[in-house]
Amino acid sequence: MTASSTVRRASLRRGTTSGSHRRTLTRRRQTIIAWTFCLPFVAVFAAFMLMPIGGSFAMSFTDITARDLQTPFAVAFVGIDQYVSLLTDPRFLTALSVTGMFVVVGIPLTMAVALALAVGLNTGQGRIITILRVGYYAPAVTSIVAVSVAWKYILQPDGLLNAALGVFGLPAVNWLNDPVWALPSLIMLALWRNVGTLMVIFLAGLQSIPREMFEAATMDGAGAWRRFFSVTLPTLRPTLLLGAVLISVGYLQFFEEAFVMTGGGPLDRTLSIAFYTYQQFGVGLYGRASAASYILFLLVALLSLLQFRLLRTKE
């Protein structure tokens, strides 16, 4: 090995090391710049999201009430007593069953109606289809409070719905004050308001399915129902999963409908977990309200996990 080749190799190593050092400095500089731009959002997120979430989680393990706000560090740590107390509270168990019924009935019904509308609109053509799409989606962008107030007047004993039933000779129903009909009335309102959102999502999924798949199934002798169950539904599984998760979060947290229309009654038949949490917070039982909110969070997480297991795409 000559001296000149040794010098060349040494210079190459120095060049490689220098280039690697420059790339490291460049990446470090880019990281610093990126975090500098993200810092305002991170600070706001930490101040208004992470800290309140952490604080409420800590409160759920204490007996803090409204009287303890001046001395928050003097409250007693009670462990999981708040959670145990909730699971033995008849009103909370009623709220749990009401929320479960709202979810078990409302989600499949909303998804089925939305899918039927999406399939119907996907096969239609012309300007009337566009008008129908806008009409079905309009309730989703309307204020829930305004919608609830309007439906409250429609469902009153002398309201529009009973007037329509009277035309056909049917008896009037006290929809919002009857323990049997109060919760179904809220489910119908939720269906009417949320079906447009799912319809748009499902319609986008349907329009992404290649037409060749339907043509191949038709050539194989598959009828309309066979094409729906063998082609449409399996291909639409990711879209169905998205719609199910989105609608589940809203249905598990339903509050405004009961707050405006029924006040949780009659006989707590429309008392949801979110409404129960609001009531506990309103009377100053902050620890109990925090525990109830985290039970609701756990239910949202478990339902989402179940939906991922059932509707995820099978490889």
C-alpha atoms as a PDB file:
ATOM      1  CA  MET A   1       0.000   0.000   0.000  1.00  0.00           C
ATOM      2  CA  THR A   2       1.457   3.300  -1.107  1.00  0.00           C
ATOM      3  CA  ALA A   3       1.500   6.496   0.930  1.00  0.00           C
ATOM      4  CA  SER A   4      -0.736   8.266  -1.606  1.00  0.00           C
ATOM      5  CA  SER A   5      -3.491   5.618  -1.348  1.00  0.00           C
ATOM      6  CA  THR A   6      -3.354   5.819   2.452  1.00  0.00           C
ATOM      7  CA  VAL A   7      -3.789   9.589   2.275  1.00  0.00           C
ATOM      8  CA  ARG A   8      -6.729   9.231  -0.116  1.00  0.00           C
ATOM      9  CA  ARG A   9      -8.495   6.735   2.146  1.00  0.00           C
ATOM     10  CA  ALA A  10      -7.959   8.956   5.177  1.00  0.00           C
ATOM     11  CA  SER A  11      -9.368  11.937   3.327  1.00  0.00           C
ATOM     12  CA  LEU A  12     -12.390   9.876   2.210  1.00  0.00           C
ATOM     13  CA  ARG A  13     -13.049   8.794   5.790  1.00  0.00           C
ATOM     14  CA  ARG A  14     -12.802  12.400   6.948  1.00  0.00           C
ATOM     15  CA  GLY A  15     -15.180  13.447   4.167  1.00  0.00           C
ATOM     16  CA  THR A  16     -17.662  10.720   5.070  1.00  0.00           C
ATOM     17  CA  THR A  17     -17.495  11.629   8.746  1.00  0.00           C
ATOM     18  CA  SER A  18     -17.892  15.301   7.913  1.00  0.00           C
ATOM     19  CA  GLY A  19     -20.910  14.589   5.673  1.00  0.00           C
ATOM     20  CA  SER A  20     -22.544  12.442   8.339  1.00  0.00           C
ATOM     21  CA  HIS A  21     -21.942  15.175  10.902  1.00  0.00           C
ATOM     22  CA  ARG A  22     -23.529  17.769   8.608  1.00  0.00           C
ATOM     23  CA  ARG A  23     -26.582  15.558   8.050  1.00  0.00           C
ATOM     24  CA  THR A  24     -26.930  15.070  11.791  1.00  0.00           C
ATOM     25  CA  LEU A  25     -26.751  18.826  12.347  1.00  0.00           C
ATOM     26  CA  THR A  26     -29.293  19.399   9.572  1.00  0.00           C
ATOM     27  CA  ARG A  27     -31.755  16.881  11.077  1.00  0.00           C
ATOM     28  CA  ARG A  28     -31.250  18.389  14.527  1.00  0.00           C
ATOM     29  CA  ARG A  29     -31.861  21.887  13.168  1.00  0.00           C
ATOM     30  CA  GLN A  30     -35.003  20.721  11.361  1.00  0.00           C
ATOM     31  CA  THR A  31     -36.268  19.058  14.543  1.00  0.00           C
ATOM     32  CA  ILE A  32     -35.713  22.243  16.540  1.00  0.00           C
ATOM     33  CA  ILE A  33     -37.526  24.319  13.912  1.00  0.00           C
ATOM     34  CA  ALA A  34     -40.429  21.858  13.805  1.00  0.00           C
ATOM     35  CA  TRP A  35     -40.835  21.877  17.580  1.00  0.00           C
ATOM     36  CA  THR A  36     -40.612  25.669  17.582  1.00  0.00           C
ATOM     37  CA  PHE A  37     -43.617  25.849  15.253  1.00  0.00           C
ATOM     38  CA  CYS A  38     -45.482  23.160  17.239  1.00  0.00           C
ATOM     39  CA  LEU A  39     -44.756  24.708  20.626  1.00  0.00           C
ATOM     40  CA  PRO A  40     -47.745  27.119  20.682  1.00  0.00           C
ATOM     41  CA  PHE A  41     -50.190  24.298  19.939  1.00  0.00           C
ATOM     42  CA  VAL A  42     -48.489  21.958  22.413  1.00  0.00           C
ATOM     43  CA  ALA A  43     -48.655  24.640  25.117  1.00  0.00           C
ATOM     44  CA  VAL A  44     -52.353  25.348  24.482  1.00  0.00           C
ATOM     45  CA  PHE A  45     -53.159  21.617  24.286  1.00  0.00           C
ATOM     46  CA  ALA A  46     -51.325  20.938  27.540  1.00  0.00           C
ATOM     47  CA  ALA A  47     -52.960  23.875  29.335  1.00  0.00           C
ATOM     48  CA  PHE A  48     -56.532  23.317  28.185  1.00  0.00           C
ATOM     49  CA  MET A  49     -56.641  19.547  27.538  1.00  0.00           C
ATOM     50  CA  LEU A  50     -53.920  17.502  29.231  1.00  0.00           C
ATOM     51  CA  MET A  51     -53.971  19.350  32.542  1.00  0.00           C
ATOM     52  CA  PRO A  52     -57.792  19.277  32.914  1.00  0.00           C
ATOM     53  CA  ILE A  53     -57.872  15.607  31.901  1.00  0.00           C
ATOM     54  CA  GLY A  54     -55.160  14.746  34.396  1.00  0.00           C
ATOM     55  CA  GLY A  55     -56.847  16.859  37.069  1.00  0.00           C
ATOM     56  CA  SER A  56     -60.253  15.239  36.559  1.00  0.00           C
ATOM     57  CA  PHE A  57     -58.695  11.774  36.614  1.00  0.00           C
ATOM     58  CA  ALA A  58     -57.022  12.578  39.936  1.00  0.00           C
ATOM     59  CA  MET A  59     -60.290  14.026  41.258  1.00  0.00           C
ATOM     60  CA  SER A  60     -62.080  10.748  40.558  1.00  0.00           C
ATOM     61  CA  PHE A  61     -60.003   9.141  43.330  1.00  0.00           C
ATOM     62  CA  THR A  62     -60.884  11.804  45.910  1.00  0.00           C
ATOM     63  CA  ASP A  63     -63.996  13.005  47.730  1.00  0.00           C
ATOM     64  CA  ILE A  64     -63.669  16.579  46.427  1.00  0.00           C
ATOM     65  CA  THR A  65     -66.833  18.667  46.382  1.00  0.00           C
ATOM     66  CA  ALA A  66     -67.679  22.281  45.629  1.00  0.00           C
ATOM     67  CA  ARG A  67     -66.861  23.236  49.232  1.00  0.00           C
ATOM     68  CA  ASP A  68     -63.266  22.034  48.775  1.00  0.00           C
ATOM     69  CA  LEU A  69     -62.366  24.338  45.877  1.00  0.00           C
ATOM     70  CA  GLN A  70     -60.589  26.795  48.168  1.00  0.00           C
ATOM     71  CA  THR A  71     -58.487  23.996  49.672  1.00  0.00           C
ATOM     72  CA  PRO A  72     -58.126  21.447  46.826  1.00  0.00           C
ATOM     73  CA  PHE A  73     -55.048  19.806  48.347  1.00  0.00           C
ATOM     74  CA  ALA A  74     -56.825  19.105  51.626  1.00  0.00           C
ATOM     75  CA  VAL A  75     -59.301  16.623  50.136  1.00  0.00           C
ATOM     76  CA  ALA A  76     -59.149  12.976  51.124  1.00  0.00           C
ATOM     77  CA  PHE A  77     -57.877  10.250  48.812  1.00  0.00           C
ATOM     78  CA  VAL A  78     -60.556   7.539  48.656  1.00  0.00           C
ATOM     79  CA  GLY A  79     -59.107   5.238  45.998  1.00  0.00           C
ATOM     80  CA  ILE A  80     -61.737   3.483  43.911  1.00  0.00           C
ATOM     81  CA  ASP A  81     -64.545   4.206  46.374  1.00  0.00           C
ATOM     82  CA  GLN A  82     -66.157   6.665  43.960  1.00  0.00           C
ATOM     83  CA  TYR A  83     -66.281   3.998  41.238  1.00  0.00           C
ATOM     84  CA  VAL A  84     -67.631   1.372  43.629  1.00  0.00           C
ATOM     85  CA  SER A  85     -70.239   3.823  44.872  1.00  0.00           C
ATOM     86  CA  LEU A  86     -71.360   4.543  41.308  1.00  0.00           C
ATOM     87  CA  LEU A  87     -71.733   0.868  40.449  1.00  0.00           C
ATOM     88  CA  THR A  88     -74.009   0.428  43.478  1.00  0.00           C
ATOM     89  CA  ASP A  89     -76.053   3.591  42.832  1.00  0.00           C
ATOM     90  CA  PRO A  90     -79.497   2.675  41.406  1.00  0.00           C
ATOM     91  CA  ARG A  91     -79.738   5.938  39.453  1.00  0.00           C
ATOM     92  CA  PHE A  92     -76.347   5.413  37.828  1.00  0.00           C
ATOM     93  CA  LEU A  93     -77.292   1.838  36.945  1.00  0.00           C
ATOM     94  CA  THR A  94     -80.500   3.206  35.428  1.00  0.00           C
ATOM     95  CA  ALA A  95     -78.454   5.721  33.421  1.00  0.00           C
ATOM     96  CA  LEU A  96     -76.166   2.881  32.324  1.00  0.00           C
ATOM     97  CA  SER A  97     -79.094   0.781  31.103  1.00  0.00           C
ATOM     98  CA  VAL A  98     -80.720   3.758  29.347  1.00  0.00           C
ATOM     99  CA  THR A  99     -77.469   4.584  27.558  1.00  0.00           C
ATOM    100  CA  GLY A 100     -77.028   0.921  26.636  1.00  0.00           C
ATOM    101  CA  MET A 101     -80.523   0.761  25.162  1.00  0.00           C
ATOM    102  CA  PHE A 102     -79.937   3.984  23.255  1.00  0.00           C
ATOM    103  CA  VAL A 103     -76.742   2.534  21.772  1.00  0.00           C
ATOM    104  CA  VAL A 104     -77.937  -1.028  21.126  1.00  0.00           C
ATOM    105  CA  VAL A 105     -81.092   0.129  19.324  1.00  0.00           C
ATOM    106  CA  GLY A 106     -79.945   3.438  17.883  1.00  0.00           C
ATOM    107  CA  ILE A 107     -76.644   2.499  16.250  1.00  0.00           C
ATOM    108  CA  PRO A 108     -77.804  -0.505  14.167  1.00  0.00           C
ATOM    109  CA  LEU A 109     -81.020   1.312  13.203  1.00  0.00           C
ATOM    110  CA  THR A 110     -79.172   4.447  12.118  1.00  0.00           C
ATOM    111  CA  MET A 111     -76.555   2.486  10.176  1.00  0.00           C
ATOM    112  CA  ALA A 112     -79.191   0.362   8.425  1.00  0.00           C
ATOM    113  CA  VAL A 113     -81.271   3.357   7.351  1.00  0.00           C
ATOM    114  CA  ALA A 114     -78.170   5.304   6.279  1.00  0.00           C
ATOM    115  CA  LEU A 115     -76.877   2.369   4.236  1.00  0.00           C
ATOM    116  CA  ALA A 116     -80.252   1.886   2.563  1.00  0.00           C
ATOM    117  CA  LEU A 117     -80.396   5.575   1.635  1.00  0.00           C
ATOM    118  CA  ALA A 118     -76.793   5.520   0.392  1.00  0.00           C
ATOM    119  CA  VAL A 119     -77.451   2.490  -1.826  1.00  0.00           C
ATOM    120  CA  GLY A 120     -80.603   4.116  -3.205  1.00  0.00           C
ATOM    121  CA  LEU A 121     -78.881   7.416  -3.928  1.00  0.00           C
ATOM    122  CA  ASN A 122     -75.848   5.664  -5.430  1.00  0.00           C
ATOM    123  CA  THR A 123     -78.016   4.013  -8.064  1.00  0.00           C
ATOM    124  CA  GLY A 124     -79.904   7.204  -8.950  1.00  0.00           C
ATOM    125  CA  GLN A 125     -78.917   9.961 -11.304  1.00  0.00           C
ATOM    126  CA  GLY A 126     -79.814  13.540 -11.968  1.00  0.00           C
ATOM    127  CA  ARG A 127     -80.266  16.760 -10.045  1.00  0.00           C
ATOM    128  CA  ILE A 128     -83.011  15.327  -7.828  1.00  0.00           C
ATOM    129  CA  ILE A 129     -80.418  12.967  -6.291  1.00  0.00           C
ATOM    130  CA  THR A 130     -78.210  15.914  -5.381  1.00  0.00           C
ATOM    131  CA  ILE A 131     -81.173  17.654  -3.769  1.00  0.00           C
ATOM    132  CA  LEU A 132     -81.980  14.529  -1.769  1.00  0.00           C
ATOM    133  CA  ARG A 133     -78.377  14.242  -0.581  1.00  0.00           C
ATOM    134  CA  VAL A 134     -78.434  17.807   0.690  1.00  0.00           C
ATOM    135  CA  GLY A 135     -81.832  17.307   2.294  1.00  0.00           C
ATOM    136  CA  TYR A 136     -80.803  14.170   4.162  1.00  0.00           C
ATOM    137  CA  TYR A 137     -77.574  15.790   5.372  1.00  0.00           C
ATOM    138  CA  ALA A 138     -79.134  19.112   6.434  1.00  0.00           C
ATOM    139  CA  PRO A 139     -80.177  17.937   9.949  1.00  0.00           C
ATOM    140  CA  ALA A 140     -76.547  17.018  10.719  1.00  0.00           C
ATOM    141  CA  VAL A 141     -75.433  20.646  10.429  1.00  0.00           C
ATOM    142  CA  THR A 142     -78.410  22.036  12.346  1.00  0.00           C
ATOM    143  CA  SER A 143     -78.032  23.009  15.997  1.00  0.00           C
ATOM    144  CA  ILE A 144     -78.988  20.083  18.221  1.00  0.00           C
ATOM    145  CA  VAL A 145     -80.646  22.451  20.684  1.00  0.00           C
ATOM    146  CA  ALA A 146     -82.798  24.006  17.956  1.00  0.00           C
ATOM    147  CA  VAL A 147     -83.671  20.555  16.618  1.00  0.00           C
ATOM    148  CA  SER A 148     -84.579  19.306  20.097  1.00  0.00           C
ATOM    149  CA  VAL A 149     -86.822  22.304  20.749  1.00  0.00           C
ATOM    150  CA  ALA A 150     -88.600  21.787  17.401  1.00  0.00           C
ATOM    151  CA  TRP A 151     -89.088  18.063  18.049  1.00  0.00           C
ATOM    152  CA  LYS A 152     -90.339  18.809  21.566  1.00  0.00           C
ATOM    153  CA  TYR A 153     -93.196  20.826  20.103  1.00  0.00           C
ATOM    154  CA  ILE A 154     -93.869  18.183  17.446  1.00  0.00           C
ATOM    155  CA  LEU A 155     -94.119  15.426  20.077  1.00  0.00           C
ATOM    156  CA  GLN A 156     -96.311  17.283  22.538  1.00  0.00           C
ATOM    157  CA  PRO A 157     -99.806  15.836  23.219  1.00  0.00           C
ATOM    158  CA  ASP A 158    -101.326  18.529  20.983  1.00  0.00           C
ATOM    159  CA  GLY A 159     -98.362  18.562  18.620  1.00  0.00           C
ATOM    160  CA  LEU A 160     -98.031  17.883  14.921  1.00  0.00           C
ATOM    161  CA  LEU A 161     -97.431  14.133  15.198  1.00  0.00           C
ATOM    162  CA  ASN A 162    -100.571  13.468  17.234  1.00  0.00           C
ATOM    163  CA  ALA A 163    -102.524  15.691  14.854  1.00  0.00           C
ATOM    164  CA  ALA A 164    -101.321  13.494  11.976  1.00  0.00           C
ATOM    165  CA  LEU A 165    -102.296  10.350  13.899  1.00  0.00           C
ATOM    166  CA  GLY A 166    -105.726  11.833  14.522  1.00  0.00           C
ATOM    167  CA  VAL A 167    -106.303  12.112  10.774  1.00  0.00           C
ATOM    168  CA  PHE A 168    -106.139   8.310  10.598  1.00  0.00           C
ATOM    169  CA  GLY A 169    -108.275   7.861  13.700  1.00  0.00           C
ATOM    170  CA  LEU A 170    -105.390   6.805  15.941  1.00  0.00           C
ATOM    171  CA  PRO A 171    -105.261   7.899  19.607  1.00  0.00           C
ATOM    172  CA  ALA A 172    -102.879  10.604  20.742  1.00  0.00           C
ATOM    173  CA  VAL A 173     -99.714   9.547  22.607  1.00  0.00           C
ATOM    174  CA  ASN A 174     -97.910  11.542  25.280  1.00  0.00           C
ATOM    175  CA  TRP A 175     -94.574  10.804  23.639  1.00  0.00           C
ATOM    176  CA  LEU A 176     -92.185  12.590  25.992  1.00  0.00           C
ATOM    177  CA  ASN A 177     -94.011  11.971  29.290  1.00  0.00           C
ATOM    178  CA  ASP A 178     -94.829   8.306  28.791  1.00  0.00           C
ATOM    179  CA  PRO A 179     -92.119   6.009  30.265  1.00  0.00           C
ATOM    180  CA  VAL A 180     -92.667   3.582  27.398  1.00  0.00           C
ATOM    181  CA  TRP A 181     -92.361   6.076  24.530  1.00  0.00           C
ATOM    182  CA  ALA A 182     -89.906   8.684  25.881  1.00  0.00           C
ATOM    183  CA  LEU A 183     -86.674   6.862  25.026  1.00  0.00           C
ATOM    184  CA  PRO A 184     -87.886   5.629  21.595  1.00  0.00           C
ATOM    185  CA  SER A 185     -88.801   9.239  20.801  1.00  0.00           C
ATOM    186  CA  LEU A 186     -85.230  10.351  21.524  1.00  0.00           C
ATOM    187  CA  ILE A 187     -83.866   7.478  19.448  1.00  0.00           C
ATOM    188  CA  MET A 188     -86.006   8.596  16.510  1.00  0.00           C
ATOM    189  CA  LEU A 189     -84.674  12.122  16.890  1.00  0.00           C
ATOM    190  CA  ALA A 190     -81.084  10.835  16.951  1.00  0.00           C
ATOM    191  CA  LEU A 191     -81.808   8.697  13.880  1.00  0.00           C
ATOM    192  CA  TRP A 192     -83.253  11.642  11.949  1.00  0.00           C
ATOM    193  CA  ARG A 193     -80.325  13.884  12.873  1.00  0.00           C
ATOM    194  CA  ASN A 194     -77.405  11.472  12.338  1.00  0.00           C
ATOM    195  CA  VAL A 195     -78.531   9.398   9.380  1.00  0.00           C
ATOM    196  CA  GLY A 196     -77.336  12.076   6.941  1.00  0.00           C
ATOM    197  CA  THR A 197     -73.755  11.969   8.201  1.00  0.00           C
ATOM    198  CA  LEU A 198     -73.515   8.199   7.856  1.00  0.00           C
ATOM    199  CA  MET A 199     -75.279   8.332   4.501  1.00  0.00           C
ATOM    200  CA  VAL A 200     -72.585  10.644   3.091  1.00  0.00           C
ATOM    201  CA  ILE A 201     -69.808   8.411   4.463  1.00  0.00           C
ATOM    202  CA  PHE A 202     -71.398   5.238   3.097  1.00  0.00           C
ATOM    203  CA  LEU A 203     -72.119   6.909  -0.229  1.00  0.00           C
ATOM    204  CA  ALA A 204     -68.440   7.807  -0.597  1.00  0.00           C
ATOM    205  CA  GLY A 205     -67.518   4.206   0.178  1.00  0.00           C
ATOM    206  CA  LEU A 206     -70.008   2.839  -2.361  1.00  0.00           C
ATOM    207  CA  GLN A 207     -68.716   5.113  -5.094  1.00  0.00           C
ATOM    208  CA  SER A 208     -65.164   3.843  -4.502  1.00  0.00           C
ATOM    209  CA  ILE A 209     -66.120   0.216  -5.228  1.00  0.00           C
ATOM    210  CA  PRO A 210     -64.960  -0.745  -8.772  1.00  0.00           C
ATOM    211  CA  ARG A 211     -67.880  -1.341 -11.113  1.00  0.00           C
ATOM    212  CA  GLU A 212     -66.029  -4.341 -12.538  1.00  0.00           C
ATOM    213  CA  MET A 213     -66.712  -6.273  -9.322  1.00  0.00           C
ATOM    214  CA  PHE A 214     -70.471  -5.900  -9.767  1.00  0.00           C
ATOM    215  CA  GLU A 215     -70.235  -6.717 -13.466  1.00  0.00           C
ATOM    216  CA  ALA A 216     -68.258  -9.883 -12.706  1.00  0.00           C
ATOM    217  CA  ALA A 217     -70.776 -10.942 -10.062  1.00  0.00           C
ATOM    218  CA  THR A 218     -73.653 -10.308 -12.488  1.00  0.00           C
ATOM    219  CA  MET A 219     -71.959 -12.418 -15.138  1.00  0.00           C
ATOM    220  CA  ASP A 220     -71.644 -15.222 -12.583  1.00  0.00           C
ATOM    221  CA  GLY A 221     -75.411 -15.126 -12.102  1.00  0.00           C
ATOM    222  CA  ALA A 222     -75.567 -13.208  -8.825  1.00  0.00           C
ATOM    223  CA  GLY A 223     -78.772 -11.313  -8.205  1.00  0.00           C
ATOM    224  CA  ALA A 224     -79.160  -7.939  -6.517  1.00  0.00           C
ATOM    225  CA  TRP A 225     -79.257  -9.300  -2.976  1.00  0.00           C
ATOM    226  CA  ARG A 226     -76.378 -11.687  -3.656  1.00  0.00           C
ATOM    227  CA  ARG A 227     -74.275  -8.816  -5.012  1.00  0.00           C
ATOM    228  CA  PHE A 228     -75.121  -6.732  -1.958  1.00  0.00           C
ATOM    229  CA  PHE A 229     -74.080  -9.379   0.583  1.00  0.00           C
ATOM    230  CA  SER A 230     -71.143 -10.811  -1.374  1.00  0.00           C
ATOM    231  CA  VAL A 231     -69.654  -7.679  -2.943  1.00  0.00           C
ATOM    232  CA  THR A 232     -70.993  -4.491  -1.379  1.00  0.00           C
ATOM    233  CA  LEU A 233     -70.858  -5.353   2.327  1.00  0.00           C
ATOM    234  CA  PRO A 234     -67.414  -7.056   2.359  1.00  0.00           C
ATOM    235  CA  THR A 235     -65.876  -4.227   0.334  1.00  0.00           C
ATOM    236  CA  LEU A 236     -67.565  -1.623   2.510  1.00  0.00           C
ATOM    237  CA  ARG A 237     -66.247  -3.013   5.843  1.00  0.00           C
ATOM    238  CA  PRO A 238     -63.677  -0.192   6.449  1.00  0.00           C
ATOM    239  CA  THR A 239     -66.335   2.424   5.724  1.00  0.00           C
ATOM    240  CA  LEU A 240     -68.822   0.675   7.999  1.00  0.00           C
ATOM    241  CA  LEU A 241     -66.199   0.610  10.735  1.00  0.00           C
ATOM    242  CA  LEU A 242     -65.566   4.337  10.408  1.00  0.00           C
ATOM    243  CA  GLY A 243     -69.269   5.133  10.531  1.00  0.00           C
ATOM    244  CA  ALA A 244     -69.879   2.819  13.484  1.00  0.00           C
ATOM    245  CA  VAL A 245     -67.076   4.324  15.566  1.00  0.00           C
ATOM    246  CA  LEU A 246     -68.112   7.910  14.806  1.00  0.00           C
ATOM    247  CA  ILE A 247     -71.762   7.348  15.596  1.00  0.00           C
ATOM    248  CA  SER A 248     -71.001   5.287  18.716  1.00  0.00           C
ATOM    249  CA  VAL A 249     -69.044   8.087  20.360  1.00  0.00           C
ATOM    250  CA  GLY A 250     -71.974  10.458  19.899  1.00  0.00           C
ATOM    251  CA  TYR A 251     -74.649   7.982  20.981  1.00  0.00           C
ATOM    252  CA  LEU A 252     -72.807   6.978  24.147  1.00  0.00           C
ATOM    253  CA  GLN A 253     -72.545  10.656  25.096  1.00  0.00           C
ATOM    254  CA  PHE A 254     -76.100  11.685  24.235  1.00  0.00           C
ATOM    255  CA  PHE A 255     -77.129  14.551  26.464  1.00  0.00           C
ATOM    256  CA  GLU A 256     -78.707  17.532  24.707  1.00  0.00           C
ATOM    257  CA  GLU A 257     -81.770  15.625  23.538  1.00  0.00           C
ATOM    258  CA  ALA A 258     -82.705  14.507  27.040  1.00  0.00           C
ATOM    259  CA  PHE A 259     -81.696  17.821  28.605  1.00  0.00           C
ATOM    260  CA  VAL A 260     -83.926  19.890  26.336  1.00  0.00           C
ATOM    261  CA  MET A 261     -86.833  17.527  25.704  1.00  0.00           C
ATOM    262  CA  THR A 262     -87.376  15.413  28.828  1.00  0.00           C
ATOM    263  CA  GLY A 263     -85.033  16.569  31.587  1.00  0.00           C
ATOM    264  CA  GLY A 264     -84.062  12.931  32.110  1.00  0.00           C
ATOM    265  CA  GLY A 265     -87.622  11.856  32.864  1.00  0.00           C
ATOM    266  CA  PRO A 266     -90.137  10.476  33.088  1.00  0.00           C
ATOM    267  CA  LEU A 267     -89.003   8.256  35.983  1.00  0.00           C
ATOM    268  CA  ASP A 268     -85.392   8.528  34.751  1.00  0.00           C
ATOM    269  CA  ARG A 269     -86.319   6.652  31.564  1.00  0.00           C
ATOM    270  CA  THR A 270     -84.157   9.051  29.503  1.00  0.00           C
ATOM    271  CA  LEU A 271     -81.393   9.590  32.076  1.00  0.00           C
ATOM    272  CA  SER A 272     -78.102   9.026  30.241  1.00  0.00           C
ATOM    273  CA  ILE A 273     -74.642   8.675  31.778  1.00  0.00           C
ATOM    274  CA  ALA A 274     -73.690  12.099  30.439  1.00  0.00           C
ATOM    275  CA  PHE A 275     -76.842  13.607  31.976  1.00  0.00           C
ATOM    276  CA  TYR A 276     -76.117  11.863  35.292  1.00  0.00           C
ATOM    277  CA  THR A 277     -72.568  13.236  35.241  1.00  0.00           C
ATOM    278  CA  TYR A 278     -73.919  16.720  34.578  1.00  0.00           C
ATOM    279  CA  GLN A 279     -76.283  16.434  37.532  1.00  0.00           C
ATOM    280  CA  GLN A 280     -73.519  15.277  39.879  1.00  0.00           C
ATOM    281  CA  PHE A 281     -71.315  18.152  38.779  1.00  0.00           C
ATOM    282  CA  GLY A 282     -74.230  20.559  39.200  1.00  0.00           C
ATOM    283  CA  VAL A 283     -74.703  19.634  42.872  1.00  0.00           C
ATOM    284  CA  GLY A 284     -70.973  19.985  43.539  1.00  0.00           C
ATOM    285  CA  LEU A 285     -69.970  16.299  43.717  1.00  0.00           C
ATOM    286  CA  TYR A 286     -66.902  16.760  41.539  1.00  0.00           C
ATOM    287  CA  GLY A 287     -65.176  13.512  42.492  1.00  0.00           C
ATOM    288  CA  ARG A 288     -68.282  11.481  41.723  1.00  0.00           C
ATOM    289  CA  ALA A 289     -68.850  13.319  38.438  1.00  0.00           C
ATOM    290  CA  SER A 290     -65.233  12.706  37.394  1.00  0.00           C
ATOM    291  CA  ALA A 291     -65.545   8.996  38.141  1.00  0.00           C
ATOM    292  CA  ALA A 292     -68.757   8.791  36.094  1.00  0.00           C
ATOM    293  CA  SER A 293     -67.082  10.533  33.152  1.00  0.00           C
ATOM    294  CA  TYR A 294     -64.205   8.039  33.167  1.00  0.00           C
ATOM    295  CA  ILE A 295     -66.602   5.112  33.262  1.00  0.00           C
ATOM    296  CA  LEU A 296     -68.205   6.631  30.161  1.00  0.00           C
ATOM    297  CA  PHE A 297     -64.755   6.988  28.579  1.00  0.00           C
ATOM    298  CA  LEU A 298     -64.069   3.318  29.299  1.00  0.00           C
ATOM    299  CA  LEU A 299     -67.358   2.342  27.646  1.00  0.00           C
ATOM    300  CA  VAL A 300     -66.473   4.361  24.544  1.00  0.00           C
ATOM    301  CA  ALA A 301     -63.071   2.665  24.354  1.00  0.00           C
ATOM    302  CA  LEU A 302     -64.515  -0.835  24.843  1.00  0.00           C
ATOM    303  CA  LEU A 303     -67.252  -0.337  22.251  1.00  0.00           C
ATOM    304  CA  SER A 304     -64.752   1.025  19.731  1.00  0.00           C
ATOM    305  CA  LEU A 305     -62.457  -1.954  20.363  1.00  0.00           C
ATOM    306  CA  LEU A 306     -65.367  -4.347  19.855  1.00  0.00           C
ATOM    307  CA  GLN A 307     -66.290  -2.661  16.584  1.00  0.00           C
ATOM    308  CA  PHE A 308     -62.696  -2.868  15.360  1.00  0.00           C
ATOM    309  CA  ARG A 309     -62.697  -6.589  16.115  1.00  0.00           C
ATOM    310  CA  LEU A 310     -66.004  -7.189  14.322  1.00  0.00           C
ATOM    311  CA  LEU A 311     -65.683  -4.877  11.309  1.00  0.00           C
ATOM    312  CA  ARG A 312     -61.973  -4.760  10.564  1.00  0.00           C
ATOM    313  CA  THR A 313     -60.899  -5.991   7.136  1.00  0.00           C
ATOM    314  CA  LYS A 314     -59.838  -9.633   7.192  1.00  0.00           C
ATOM    315  CA  GLU A 315     -56.591 -10.224   5.358  1.00  0.00           C
END
